[in-house]
């Protein structure tokens, strides 16, 4: 039987992908076999991080920003989102498109909406470990992974219907691909993840900017005769970084246009050093008292400074620029770029610095703390071992044999215990305390006690989205009140309109959320002309008050007070999503 000739040429793409996956699995299995205890620790930490992100996804109601996100994907189709989001929101469309596709699979429940962010939060964890291992060593990777898994900051955004968990995942994936961009496939991944991070949030490109800055700095140092061979992120051609830099140009142009036209965020102010330090500390968690936060902050800052010490020594010529110095430079640029740009813009143009917008820098901070803590324990262990063996006349390396190695292990365990004991309480508080707007309970408090026809005044057009998310009754007269200095840019609802609506009802409910003290006084004054408060209930970020008609108050329409309420248009709420 004649032999069948085999087709020449490269195997098809699915076969190549399958072959690459098999190689990855075999490589991971070999590493796990060589270090079984370490591999088990990585699996346990990732599992713990995933559990924390998936636990209680629907336990709290959507807060205002999440409710607006849900309305956006309900109001527009998948393709419409590409143009509607930039028009209706100060954001970019990729996350909304992904979320719209996601809810088609899992539904629109609170837990279903949040599950997408939780998935991205879990995906980010292995990349954090991989970055620590490739930049420094596997000990740093494990410690950075632990910090990221237990960070209340990361946990919060992994359970929010917003794009921040996606931004974090794309940012860490971008830097991981950057380290391996000498392979064309990883170079392509670097371009895709970097562009994705830049276009998922208006400030997403700031995280990518740090990687580009480190490449430029390494190139300049090389031109000055510094040996940068082996520095992480320097291998590979210039095409991929050039494409990433080019993709940022439209964002820079758009930002310049916004600043030129008077763009401003009224809820922010120009940050000082203390505000910046507090924001960096929030990346790790929040603590019940400033004193506890200060102690934890000193521990974290000391570890980060220990990581930066080799970089400073190399800059002053005290130490040769080793690959570890290059790794530290990369992480330092990553951590600094979002913070420096936002702080500079806040002082030179308009306030834009906020820990949420500096979020791409958070994983770099975890890496610095892990690298510094590991290096510090090694140095202390080496010093202690030398002090304990003066008769030997030699130093015992912390990672070598004997007492130095044992001391280093003990100190690293102590460091991990200290970090974990600092990070766990905020996580416990997060999962045992309500932290988001309690719209479900606030709306339930109104609808279980209100009579048909009662007037419900929701202070703030945007707050109306939160109310409507959990609204079940259609027999109540619900009206949104345009508040003073409304984020929608509309004029406040005239007091006369509010008073006319109130006079026509015996029972009036006010639902106030995220309102200024001045706005609360204005609304109360309009209602109390004819009504008196009967009961007030407070929820997280929301206050619900029931008012009853004052005895003897004149309504002008008879004792039943069932006249018509001015239509929603009279109140001025345009239901803008901005």
Protein backbone atom coordinates (compact mmCIF):
# COMPACT_ATOMS: atom_id res chain seq x y z
CA UNK A 1 0.00 0.00 0.00
CA UNK A 2 1.57 3.30 -1.01
CA UNK A 3 2.37 5.74 1.77
CA UNK A 4 0.10 8.75 2.04
CA UNK A 5 2.16 11.90 1.75
CA UNK A 6 1.96 14.20 4.76
CA UNK A 7 1.15 17.84 4.13
CA UNK A 8 4.08 20.17 4.59
CA UNK A 9 4.04 23.46 6.43
CA UNK A 10 3.30 24.53 10.00
CA UNK A 11 0.59 22.72 11.97
CA UNK A 12 -2.80 24.42 12.23
CA UNK A 13 -3.34 27.04 14.93
CA UNK A 14 -5.42 24.81 17.27
CA UNK A 15 -2.68 22.19 17.23
CA UNK A 16 -0.03 24.78 18.03
CA UNK A 17 -2.11 26.12 20.90
CA UNK A 18 -2.70 22.63 22.27
CA UNK A 19 1.00 21.85 22.02
CA UNK A 20 1.91 25.08 23.82
CA UNK A 21 -0.61 24.34 26.58
CA UNK A 22 0.84 20.87 27.06
CA UNK A 23 4.30 22.37 27.42
CA UNK A 24 2.99 24.86 29.99
CA UNK A 25 1.30 22.12 31.98
CA UNK A 26 4.42 19.95 31.94
CA UNK A 27 6.54 22.90 33.00
CA UNK A 28 4.20 23.79 35.86
CA UNK A 29 4.12 20.15 36.96
CA UNK A 30 7.93 20.04 36.98
CA UNK A 31 8.13 23.19 39.11
CA UNK A 32 5.51 21.83 41.51
CA UNK A 33 7.42 18.56 41.80
CA UNK A 34 10.66 20.42 42.56
CA UNK A 35 9.03 22.64 45.22
CA UNK A 36 5.87 20.85 46.40
CA UNK A 37 5.47 22.87 49.59
CA UNK A 38 5.77 26.16 47.75
CA UNK A 39 3.36 25.03 45.02
CA UNK A 40 0.82 23.99 47.64
CA UNK A 41 1.13 27.38 49.33
CA UNK A 42 0.49 29.16 46.02
CA UNK A 43 -2.60 27.04 45.36
CA UNK A 44 -3.94 27.65 48.86
CA UNK A 45 -3.45 31.43 48.66
CA UNK A 46 -5.10 31.64 45.22
CA UNK A 47 -7.97 29.51 46.51
CA UNK A 48 -8.36 31.75 49.55
CA UNK A 49 -8.32 34.85 47.36
CA UNK A 50 -10.92 33.36 45.02
CA UNK A 51 -13.13 32.38 47.95
CA UNK A 52 -13.00 35.87 49.42
CA UNK A 53 -13.95 37.38 46.05
CA UNK A 54 -16.84 35.01 45.38
CA UNK A 55 -18.27 34.96 48.89
CA UNK A 56 -21.34 37.14 49.46
CA UNK A 57 -21.47 38.64 45.96
CA UNK A 58 -25.17 39.43 46.29
CA UNK A 59 -25.26 40.06 50.02
CA UNK A 60 -25.35 43.84 49.61
CA UNK A 61 -27.40 45.88 47.19
CA UNK A 62 -25.81 47.74 44.31
CA UNK A 63 -24.64 51.17 45.29
CA UNK A 64 -25.24 54.21 43.13
CA UNK A 65 -22.43 53.81 40.59
CA UNK A 66 -23.18 50.11 40.21
CA UNK A 67 -26.88 50.81 39.66
CA UNK A 68 -26.00 53.32 36.94
CA UNK A 69 -23.80 50.70 35.26
CA UNK A 70 -26.70 48.24 35.33
CA UNK A 71 -29.00 50.85 33.77
CA UNK A 72 -26.50 51.55 30.98
CA UNK A 73 -26.43 47.94 29.79
CA UNK A 74 -30.21 47.67 30.13
CA UNK A 75 -30.86 50.81 28.13
CA UNK A 76 -28.55 50.11 25.19
CA UNK A 77 -27.76 47.12 22.99
CA UNK A 78 -24.30 45.61 22.72
CA UNK A 79 -23.27 47.57 19.63
CA UNK A 80 -25.01 50.73 20.82
CA UNK A 81 -22.78 50.71 23.90
CA UNK A 82 -19.76 51.50 21.72
CA UNK A 83 -21.12 55.00 21.07
CA UNK A 84 -23.58 55.46 23.94
CA UNK A 85 -21.11 54.98 26.79
CA UNK A 86 -18.71 57.78 25.74
CA UNK A 87 -21.75 60.00 25.22
CA UNK A 88 -23.60 59.17 28.46
CA UNK A 89 -20.73 58.33 30.82
CA UNK A 90 -17.25 59.68 31.56
CA UNK A 91 -15.93 56.22 30.73
CA UNK A 92 -14.97 54.01 27.81
CA UNK A 93 -17.08 51.15 26.40
CA UNK A 94 -15.03 47.89 26.60
CA UNK A 95 -16.14 46.93 30.11
CA UNK A 96 -19.78 47.69 29.38
CA UNK A 97 -19.71 45.56 26.24
CA UNK A 98 -18.16 42.65 28.16
CA UNK A 99 -20.70 43.06 30.97
CA UNK A 100 -23.59 43.09 28.50
CA UNK A 101 -22.36 39.82 26.98
CA UNK A 102 -21.79 38.41 30.45
CA UNK A 103 -25.32 39.08 31.75
CA UNK A 104 -26.65 37.31 28.68
CA UNK A 105 -25.10 34.17 30.18
CA UNK A 106 -25.63 34.59 33.93
CA UNK A 107 -28.54 37.02 34.25
CA UNK A 108 -28.94 40.50 35.72
CA UNK A 109 -29.09 39.73 39.43
CA UNK A 110 -26.80 41.64 41.76
CA UNK A 111 -24.57 38.58 42.19
CA UNK A 112 -24.57 37.90 38.45
CA UNK A 113 -23.53 41.45 37.64
CA UNK A 114 -20.72 41.36 40.19
CA UNK A 115 -19.49 37.92 39.18
CA UNK A 116 -17.65 39.33 36.16
CA UNK A 117 -15.51 41.58 38.35
CA UNK A 118 -14.94 38.70 40.76
CA UNK A 119 -13.68 36.57 37.88
CA UNK A 120 -11.22 39.27 36.82
CA UNK A 121 -10.15 39.67 40.45
CA UNK A 122 -9.28 35.98 40.61
CA UNK A 123 -7.52 36.02 37.24
CA UNK A 124 -5.23 38.83 38.42
CA UNK A 125 -3.80 36.78 41.31
CA UNK A 126 -1.65 34.29 39.33
CA UNK A 127 -0.20 37.18 37.33
CA UNK A 128 0.86 38.92 40.56
CA UNK A 129 2.63 35.74 41.64
CA UNK A 130 4.24 35.30 38.22
CA UNK A 131 5.51 38.87 38.23
CA UNK A 132 7.08 38.51 41.67
CA UNK A 133 8.72 35.23 40.71
CA UNK A 134 10.12 36.47 37.40
CA UNK A 135 11.22 39.87 38.67
CA UNK A 136 12.78 38.65 41.94
CA UNK A 137 12.21 35.08 43.12
CA UNK A 138 9.44 32.70 44.09
CA UNK A 139 9.46 33.87 47.71
CA UNK A 140 8.65 37.40 46.60
CA UNK A 141 6.00 36.05 44.26
CA UNK A 142 4.27 34.16 47.05
CA UNK A 143 4.38 37.10 49.46
CA UNK A 144 3.08 39.55 46.84
CA UNK A 145 0.33 37.07 45.98
CA UNK A 146 -0.64 36.86 49.66
CA UNK A 147 -0.85 40.64 49.98
CA UNK A 148 -2.95 40.94 46.82
CA UNK A 149 -5.26 38.10 47.85
CA UNK A 150 -5.90 39.64 51.28
CA UNK A 151 -6.07 43.28 50.21
CA UNK A 152 -9.45 44.73 51.19
CA UNK A 153 -8.96 47.26 48.39
CA UNK A 154 -8.70 44.55 45.75
CA UNK A 155 -11.52 42.60 47.34
CA UNK A 156 -13.86 45.59 47.25
CA UNK A 157 -13.36 46.27 43.55
CA UNK A 158 -13.54 42.56 42.73
CA UNK A 159 -17.11 42.72 44.05
CA UNK A 160 -18.22 45.91 42.34
CA UNK A 161 -20.08 46.31 39.04
CA UNK A 162 -17.42 48.62 37.66
CA UNK A 163 -14.37 48.25 35.45
CA UNK A 164 -11.66 48.45 38.13
CA UNK A 165 -11.10 44.69 38.57
CA UNK A 166 -10.79 44.34 34.80
CA UNK A 167 -8.31 47.22 34.77
CA UNK A 168 -6.20 45.53 37.45
CA UNK A 169 -6.22 42.19 35.61
CA UNK A 170 -5.22 43.78 32.31
CA UNK A 171 -2.48 45.84 33.98
CA UNK A 172 -0.77 42.89 35.69
CA UNK A 173 -1.17 40.78 32.54
CA UNK A 174 0.42 43.60 30.54
CA UNK A 175 3.50 43.68 32.76
CA UNK A 176 3.79 39.90 32.74
CA UNK A 177 3.75 39.92 28.94
CA UNK A 178 6.27 42.78 28.97
CA UNK A 179 8.76 40.58 30.82
CA UNK A 180 8.51 37.95 28.07
CA UNK A 181 8.16 40.12 24.98
CA UNK A 182 11.27 38.65 23.37
CA UNK A 183 8.82 35.95 22.20
CA UNK A 184 6.58 37.39 19.43
CA UNK A 185 3.49 35.79 20.94
CA UNK A 186 4.08 37.44 24.29
CA UNK A 187 4.90 40.70 22.54
CA UNK A 188 1.48 40.51 20.90
CA UNK A 189 -0.06 39.80 24.29
CA UNK A 190 1.74 42.83 25.69
CA UNK A 191 0.22 45.07 23.03
CA UNK A 192 -3.29 43.65 23.46
CA UNK A 193 -3.35 43.81 27.26
CA UNK A 194 -1.74 47.25 27.38
CA UNK A 195 -4.18 48.73 24.88
CA UNK A 196 -7.02 47.01 26.73
CA UNK A 197 -5.94 48.52 30.05
CA UNK A 198 -5.57 51.96 28.48
CA UNK A 199 -9.04 51.89 26.94
CA UNK A 200 -11.01 50.32 29.77
CA UNK A 201 -10.81 53.47 31.92
CA UNK A 202 -9.79 57.08 31.16
CA UNK A 203 -6.84 56.77 33.55
CA UNK A 204 -6.02 53.15 32.71
CA UNK A 205 -3.12 54.16 30.48
CA UNK A 206 -1.22 55.53 33.48
CA UNK A 207 -0.37 52.01 34.63
CA UNK A 208 0.94 51.10 31.19
CA UNK A 209 2.95 54.33 31.14
CA UNK A 210 5.22 53.04 33.90
CA UNK A 211 6.37 50.10 31.78
CA UNK A 212 7.15 52.37 28.84
CA UNK A 213 9.07 54.72 31.14
CA UNK A 214 11.22 51.87 32.45
CA UNK A 215 12.04 50.77 28.88
CA UNK A 216 13.10 54.31 27.98
CA UNK A 217 15.20 54.68 31.14
CA UNK A 218 16.95 51.36 30.54
CA UNK A 219 17.70 52.41 26.96
CA UNK A 220 19.20 55.70 28.12
CA UNK A 221 21.33 53.93 30.71
CA UNK A 222 22.55 51.51 28.07
CA UNK A 223 23.61 54.43 25.87
CA UNK A 224 25.63 55.76 28.81
CA UNK A 225 27.54 52.52 29.14
CA UNK A 226 25.50 50.82 31.86
CA UNK A 227 25.24 47.08 31.40
CA UNK A 228 21.49 46.39 31.31
CA UNK A 229 21.76 42.86 29.96
CA UNK A 230 19.38 40.60 31.84
CA UNK A 231 17.23 43.45 33.09
CA UNK A 232 13.56 42.41 33.10
CA UNK A 233 11.52 43.89 30.27
CA UNK A 234 14.47 45.02 28.17
CA UNK A 235 14.68 41.99 25.86
CA UNK A 236 12.78 42.18 22.60
CA UNK A 237 12.39 44.73 19.86
CA UNK A 238 10.93 48.21 19.99
CA UNK A 239 7.89 47.54 17.85
CA UNK A 240 5.56 46.39 20.64
CA UNK A 241 6.36 49.30 23.01
CA UNK A 242 6.03 51.71 20.07
CA UNK A 243 2.56 50.37 19.27
CA UNK A 244 1.53 50.70 22.91
CA UNK A 245 2.85 54.26 23.07
CA UNK A 246 1.05 55.12 19.85
CA UNK A 247 -2.22 53.78 21.25
CA UNK A 248 -1.99 56.25 24.13
CA UNK A 249 -1.91 59.29 21.83
CA UNK A 250 -5.70 59.51 21.30
CA UNK A 251 -6.22 59.33 25.06
CA UNK A 252 -3.72 62.12 25.65
CA UNK A 253 -5.42 64.28 23.02
CA UNK A 254 -8.85 63.59 24.54
CA UNK A 255 -7.59 64.39 28.04
CA UNK A 256 -6.03 67.65 26.82
CA UNK A 257 -9.35 68.61 25.25
CA UNK A 258 -11.26 67.85 28.46
CA UNK A 259 -8.89 69.90 30.59
CA UNK A 260 -8.99 72.76 28.07
CA UNK A 261 -12.79 72.87 28.21
CA UNK A 262 -12.90 73.21 31.99
CA UNK A 263 -13.15 69.57 33.05
CA UNK A 264 -13.27 69.20 36.82
CA UNK A 265 -14.30 66.77 39.56
CA UNK A 266 -16.04 68.79 42.25
CA UNK A 267 -15.65 66.06 44.89
CA UNK A 268 -11.84 66.14 44.75
CA UNK A 269 -9.29 68.62 46.06
CA UNK A 270 -5.58 69.14 45.49
CA UNK A 271 -3.71 66.41 47.40
CA UNK A 272 -0.94 67.02 49.86
CA UNK A 273 1.69 64.50 51.00
CA UNK A 274 -0.60 63.17 53.74
CA UNK A 275 -3.45 62.55 51.29
CA UNK A 276 -1.12 60.71 48.92
CA UNK A 277 0.23 58.57 51.77
CA UNK A 278 -3.31 57.71 52.91
CA UNK A 279 -4.25 56.73 49.37
CA UNK A 280 -1.26 54.40 49.08
CA UNK A 281 -2.19 52.82 52.41
CA UNK A 282 -5.76 52.22 51.18
CA UNK A 283 -4.28 49.92 48.52
CA UNK A 284 -3.70 47.47 51.36
CA UNK A 285 -6.76 48.07 53.53
CA UNK A 286 -8.50 50.36 55.99
CA UNK A 287 -8.18 50.12 59.75
CA UNK A 288 -10.53 51.21 62.57
CA UNK A 289 -8.29 53.92 64.01
CA UNK A 290 -5.64 56.22 62.52
CA UNK A 291 -3.11 54.90 65.04
CA UNK A 292 -3.45 51.32 63.82
CA UNK A 293 -3.30 52.50 60.23
CA UNK A 294 -0.14 54.47 61.00
CA UNK A 295 1.59 51.43 62.51
CA UNK A 296 0.69 49.27 59.52
CA UNK A 297 1.75 52.09 57.21
CA UNK A 298 5.18 52.26 58.82
CA UNK A 299 5.62 48.50 58.34
CA UNK A 300 4.61 48.68 54.68
CA UNK A 301 6.65 51.81 53.97
CA UNK A 302 9.73 50.28 55.59
CA UNK A 303 9.43 47.19 53.42
CA UNK A 304 8.97 49.27 50.26
CA UNK A 305 12.00 51.43 51.09
CA UNK A 306 14.08 48.30 51.64
CA UNK A 307 13.14 47.21 48.12
CA UNK A 308 14.17 50.59 46.69
CA UNK A 309 17.52 50.62 48.53
CA UNK A 310 19.45 48.70 45.79
CA UNK A 311 18.11 51.12 43.21
CA UNK A 312 19.40 54.07 45.21
CA UNK A 313 22.74 52.36 45.78
CA UNK A 314 23.13 51.75 42.04
CA UNK A 315 22.16 55.33 41.22
CA UNK A 316 24.88 56.66 43.53
CA UNK A 317 27.51 54.22 42.25
CA UNK A 318 27.73 52.27 45.50
CA UNK A 319 26.40 49.11 43.88
CA UNK A 320 26.64 47.64 40.40
CA UNK A 321 23.42 47.77 38.35
CA UNK A 322 22.40 44.11 38.56
CA UNK A 323 19.22 42.55 37.11
CA UNK A 324 17.63 43.00 40.55
CA UNK A 325 18.22 46.72 40.19
CA UNK A 326 16.54 46.58 36.79
CA UNK A 327 13.57 44.73 38.27
CA UNK A 328 13.27 47.30 41.03
CA UNK A 329 13.43 50.12 38.48
CA UNK A 330 10.59 48.56 36.49
CA UNK A 331 8.35 48.14 39.54
CA UNK A 332 9.20 51.61 40.84
CA UNK A 333 8.24 53.19 37.50
CA UNK A 334 5.03 51.19 37.50
CA UNK A 335 4.12 52.34 41.02
CA UNK A 336 5.12 55.95 40.47
CA UNK A 337 3.61 56.74 37.06
CA UNK A 338 -0.11 56.84 38.02
CA UNK A 339 0.53 58.65 41.29
CA UNK A 340 2.95 61.24 39.91
CA UNK A 341 0.83 62.06 36.86
CA UNK A 342 -2.40 62.41 38.85
CA UNK A 343 -0.77 64.53 41.56
CA UNK A 344 0.92 66.76 38.98
CA UNK A 345 -2.32 67.21 37.04
CA UNK A 346 -4.15 67.99 40.28
CA UNK A 347 -1.79 70.85 41.10
CA UNK A 348 -1.17 72.17 37.59
CA UNK A 349 -4.64 71.75 36.03
CA UNK A 350 -7.55 70.50 38.11
CA UNK A 351 -7.87 68.00 40.98
CA UNK A 352 -8.01 64.44 39.64
CA UNK A 353 -5.99 62.47 42.21
CA UNK A 354 -8.00 59.76 43.93
CA UNK A 355 -6.91 56.33 45.13
CA UNK A 356 -9.47 54.76 42.80
CA UNK A 357 -7.92 56.44 39.77
CA UNK A 358 -4.40 55.47 40.90
CA UNK A 359 -5.50 51.83 41.16
CA UNK A 360 -3.10 50.54 38.43
CA UNK A 361 -0.23 51.30 40.81
CA UNK A 362 -1.54 49.00 43.55
CA UNK A 363 -0.01 45.68 42.34
CA UNK A 364 3.38 47.38 41.99
CA UNK A 365 3.12 48.48 45.62
CA UNK A 366 2.45 44.88 46.65
CA UNK A 367 5.54 43.76 44.75
CA UNK A 368 7.70 46.43 46.37
CA UNK A 369 6.53 45.48 49.85
CA UNK A 370 7.11 41.79 49.16
CA UNK A 371 10.55 42.33 47.62
CA UNK A 372 11.65 44.70 50.35
CA UNK A 373 10.35 42.51 53.15
CA UNK A 374 12.10 39.44 51.76
CA UNK A 375 15.38 41.29 51.21
CA UNK A 376 15.20 42.84 54.67
CA UNK A 377 14.72 39.49 56.40
CA UNK A 378 17.65 38.05 54.45
CA UNK A 379 19.92 40.92 55.50
CA UNK A 380 18.87 40.77 59.14
CA UNK A 381 19.33 37.00 59.19
CA UNK A 382 22.80 37.29 57.68
CA UNK A 383 23.75 39.96 60.21
CA UNK A 384 22.46 37.92 63.15
CA UNK A 385 24.23 34.80 61.92
CA UNK A 386 27.49 36.72 61.64
CA UNK A 387 27.08 38.16 65.13
CA UNK A 388 26.47 34.70 66.56
CA UNK A 389 29.59 33.21 64.97
CA UNK A 390 32.33 35.77 65.54
CA UNK A 391 34.93 33.06 66.00
CA UNK A 392 34.40 31.81 62.45
CA UNK A 393 35.62 35.09 61.07
CA UNK A 394 33.24 34.90 58.18
CA UNK A 395 29.72 35.86 57.30
CA UNK A 396 27.08 33.23 56.94
CA UNK A 397 24.80 34.07 54.05
CA UNK A 398 21.13 34.20 54.79
CA UNK A 399 20.33 31.85 51.95
CA UNK A 400 23.27 29.58 52.51
CA UNK A 401 23.68 26.60 54.79
CA UNK A 402 23.50 26.54 58.54
CA UNK A 403 22.17 29.04 61.00
CA UNK A 404 21.80 31.91 58.53
CA UNK A 405 19.38 29.95 56.41
CA UNK A 406 17.34 28.94 59.45
CA UNK A 407 17.20 32.51 60.73
CA UNK A 408 16.11 33.80 57.33
CA UNK A 409 13.27 31.29 57.26
CA UNK A 410 12.15 32.23 60.77
CA UNK A 411 12.21 35.93 59.93
CA UNK A 412 10.29 35.43 56.69
CA UNK A 413 7.62 33.46 58.54
CA UNK A 414 7.44 36.24 61.13
CA UNK A 415 7.07 38.81 58.35
CA UNK A 416 4.26 36.83 56.71
CA UNK A 417 2.48 36.44 60.04
CA UNK A 418 2.82 40.17 60.70
CA UNK A 419 1.51 41.13 57.26
CA UNK A 420 -1.36 38.66 57.36
CA UNK A 421 -2.37 39.76 60.85
CA UNK A 422 -2.43 43.34 59.55
CA UNK A 423 -4.46 42.56 56.42
CA UNK A 424 -7.00 40.07 57.77
CA UNK A 425 -8.97 42.40 60.13
CA UNK A 426 -10.02 44.77 57.29
CA UNK A 427 -11.13 41.74 55.25
CA UNK A 428 -13.16 40.37 58.16
CA UNK A 429 -14.75 43.79 58.67
CA UNK A 430 -15.56 43.98 54.96
CA UNK A 431 -17.43 40.67 54.96
CA UNK A 432 -19.24 41.29 58.25
CA UNK A 433 -20.21 44.95 57.86
CA UNK A 434 -22.40 46.69 55.28
CA UNK A 435 -20.22 49.05 53.26
CA UNK A 436 -22.35 49.91 50.21
CA UNK A 437 -25.53 51.95 49.85
CA UNK A 438 -28.40 49.89 51.26
CA UNK A 439 -30.87 50.67 48.50
CA UNK A 440 -32.72 47.37 48.83
CA UNK A 441 -33.46 47.95 52.51
CA UNK A 442 -34.23 51.65 52.04
CA UNK A 443 -36.74 50.98 49.25
CA UNK A 444 -38.26 48.13 51.25
CA UNK A 445 -38.70 50.47 54.23
CA UNK A 446 -40.78 52.77 52.02
CA UNK A 447 -42.78 50.21 50.07
CA UNK A 448 -43.78 48.03 53.03
CA UNK A 449 -45.32 51.00 54.88
CA UNK A 450 -46.44 53.46 52.22
CA UNK A 451 -50.10 53.75 51.24
CA UNK A 452 -51.13 53.89 47.58
CA UNK A 453 -50.62 57.37 46.20
CA UNK A 454 -48.00 58.45 48.76
CA UNK A 455 -45.38 60.87 47.45
CA UNK A 456 -41.75 59.69 47.49
CA UNK A 457 -39.12 62.38 46.92
CA UNK A 458 -35.72 60.93 45.99
CA UNK A 459 -33.12 63.65 46.43
CA UNK A 460 -30.80 63.54 43.42
CA UNK A 461 -31.55 62.40 39.88
CA UNK A 462 -28.70 59.92 40.03
CA UNK A 463 -30.01 58.53 43.32
CA UNK A 464 -33.21 57.70 41.49
CA UNK A 465 -31.30 54.96 39.64
CA UNK A 466 -30.54 53.28 42.96
CA UNK A 467 -34.16 53.55 44.07
CA UNK A 468 -35.55 52.25 40.78
CA UNK A 469 -33.23 49.23 40.88
CA UNK A 470 -35.22 47.81 43.82
CA UNK A 471 -38.57 49.47 43.20
CA UNK A 472 -41.48 47.02 43.13
CA UNK A 473 -44.62 49.14 43.50
CA UNK A 474 -46.15 51.24 40.77
CA UNK A 475 -48.87 52.89 42.88
CA UNK A 476 -46.55 55.43 44.54
CA UNK A 477 -45.79 58.89 43.16
CA UNK A 478 -41.98 58.72 42.97
CA UNK A 479 -40.20 61.91 41.90
CA UNK A 480 -36.52 62.69 41.58
CA UNK A 481 -35.40 66.05 42.94
CA UNK A 482 -32.52 67.80 41.18
CA UNK A 483 -30.16 68.69 43.99
CA UNK A 484 -27.92 71.72 44.36
CA UNK A 485 -24.69 71.41 42.34
CA UNK A 486 -26.09 68.32 40.64
CA UNK A 487 -23.58 66.09 38.86
CA UNK A 488 -26.00 66.04 35.91
CA UNK A 489 -25.46 69.77 35.40
CA UNK A 490 -29.18 70.57 35.65
CA UNK A 491 -30.76 73.42 37.59
CA UNK A 492 -32.12 72.50 41.04
CA UNK A 493 -35.79 71.62 41.23
CA UNK A 494 -37.64 74.85 42.13
CA UNK A 495 -38.81 74.91 45.72
CA UNK A 496 -42.29 75.86 44.56
CA UNK A 497 -42.61 72.60 42.60
CA UNK A 498 -41.62 70.57 45.66
CA UNK A 499 -44.05 72.48 47.91
CA UNK A 500 -46.92 72.07 45.44
CA UNK A 501 -46.32 68.32 45.27
CA UNK A 502 -46.08 68.02 49.05
CA UNK A 503 -49.31 69.97 49.65
CA UNK A 504 -51.20 67.44 47.55
CA UNK A 505 -50.35 64.43 49.72
CA UNK A 506 -51.09 63.52 53.32
CA UNK A 507 -47.97 61.34 53.60
CA UNK A 508 -44.63 62.23 52.05
CA UNK A 509 -41.45 60.17 52.07
CA UNK A 510 -37.99 61.62 51.48
CA UNK A 511 -35.07 59.44 50.44
CA UNK A 512 -31.77 61.30 50.75
CA UNK A 513 -28.45 59.81 49.61
CA UNK A 514 -25.06 61.45 49.06
CA UNK A 515 -26.59 64.92 49.50
CA UNK A 516 -24.83 67.94 50.95
CA UNK A 517 -25.99 69.42 54.25
CA UNK A 518 -27.23 72.47 52.37
CA UNK A 519 -29.34 70.31 50.04
CA UNK A 520 -30.80 68.39 52.97
CA UNK A 521 -31.84 71.66 54.64
CA UNK A 522 -33.44 72.84 51.40
CA UNK A 523 -35.51 69.69 50.97
CA UNK A 524 -36.54 69.55 54.62
CA UNK A 525 -37.59 73.19 54.51
CA UNK A 526 -39.82 72.59 51.49
CA UNK A 527 -41.54 69.61 53.12
CA UNK A 528 -41.90 70.95 56.66
CA UNK A 529 -44.01 73.87 55.56
CA UNK A 530 -47.06 71.58 55.73
CA UNK A 531 -45.75 68.29 57.16
CA UNK A 532 -43.94 67.08 60.24
CA UNK A 533 -41.47 64.17 60.42
CA UNK A 534 -43.05 61.04 61.85
CA UNK A 535 -40.16 58.59 61.57
CA UNK A 536 -36.61 58.53 60.22
CA UNK A 537 -34.58 55.45 59.40
CA UNK A 538 -30.91 55.53 58.51
CA UNK A 539 -29.16 53.08 56.24
CA UNK A 540 -25.64 53.05 54.82
CA UNK A 541 -25.38 56.37 52.91
CA UNK A 542 -29.20 56.73 52.80
CA UNK A 543 -31.76 58.34 55.09
CA UNK A 544 -35.50 57.68 54.76
CA UNK A 545 -38.00 59.98 56.51
CA UNK A 546 -41.79 59.71 56.62
CA UNK A 547 -43.69 62.99 56.95
CA UNK A 548 -47.35 63.35 57.94
CA UNK A 549 -49.52 66.39 57.27
CA UNK A 550 -49.50 68.84 60.13
CA UNK A 551 -52.85 69.24 61.86
CA UNK A 552 -54.65 72.27 60.49
CA UNK A 553 -52.38 72.63 57.46
CA UNK A 554 -54.25 73.93 54.43
CA UNK A 555 -53.89 71.91 51.25
CA UNK A 556 -56.35 73.79 49.07
CA UNK A 557 -57.90 70.65 47.62
CA UNK A 558 -59.89 69.19 50.46
CA UNK A 559 -59.18 67.05 53.50
CA UNK A 560 -58.13 63.91 51.60
CA UNK A 561 -55.10 65.57 50.00
CA UNK A 562 -55.22 63.35 46.93
CA UNK A 563 -54.67 65.98 44.25
CA UNK A 564 -52.28 65.48 41.38
CA UNK A 565 -48.54 65.66 41.81
CA UNK A 566 -46.52 67.66 39.26
CA UNK A 567 -45.13 65.35 36.55
CA UNK A 568 -41.49 64.21 36.64
CA UNK A 569 -40.62 66.76 33.95
CA UNK A 570 -41.60 69.58 36.32
CA UNK A 571 -38.91 68.41 38.74
CA UNK A 572 -36.25 68.69 36.03
CA UNK A 573 -34.74 65.19 36.27
CA UNK A 574 -33.64 64.29 32.75
CA UNK A 575 -32.41 60.88 33.94
CA UNK A 576 -28.99 61.61 32.51
CA UNK A 577 -26.47 58.85 33.18
CA UNK A 578 -23.58 61.23 33.76
